[in-house]
């Protein structure tokens, strides 16, 4: 019984992969949004303004925090920032909270500093690219609202 189930699953994988169209993919992932777009959508505190699809976001890690260090229930947060120059004298800062949950992210933010760096660690000021989904909005101490994203994949780009 189990062998038949495994065989059916393995045989259906090509259908699942190759049966998708570009329209199906675009219905799941939004490549057009930036961190600035998400920041603007969250500015009024309305979580319904955030996208329902996965987004590909790039930014720099400004802060990091471990919420739950238990490997099975791991939860860490990165403050991801980017910016934009307006003329030559004004810089607009965009930010979000990027949540890392589950065992696959347990080594991304160490609970304590170590003498030997972990290759999976995401250090401060690292530029990253992430596949994430908007899960809510958080109000910061200064009263501004920022989007909260759930990370699925992270890749260092610097």
Foldseek 3Di string as FASTA:
>chain_A
DVVVVVVVVVVCVVCVVVVDDVVNVCVAEDAPDELVNQLVQPFVPDLVSFDQHKYKYKFFFADKAWPDLDLAFTKMKTKGKDWDDDPPPDIDMGIAIEIETGNVCNLQDDPDDDPDDDPNHRDGGFMKIFTWGFDGWDQDPVGGIHTYIYTDDMDTPD
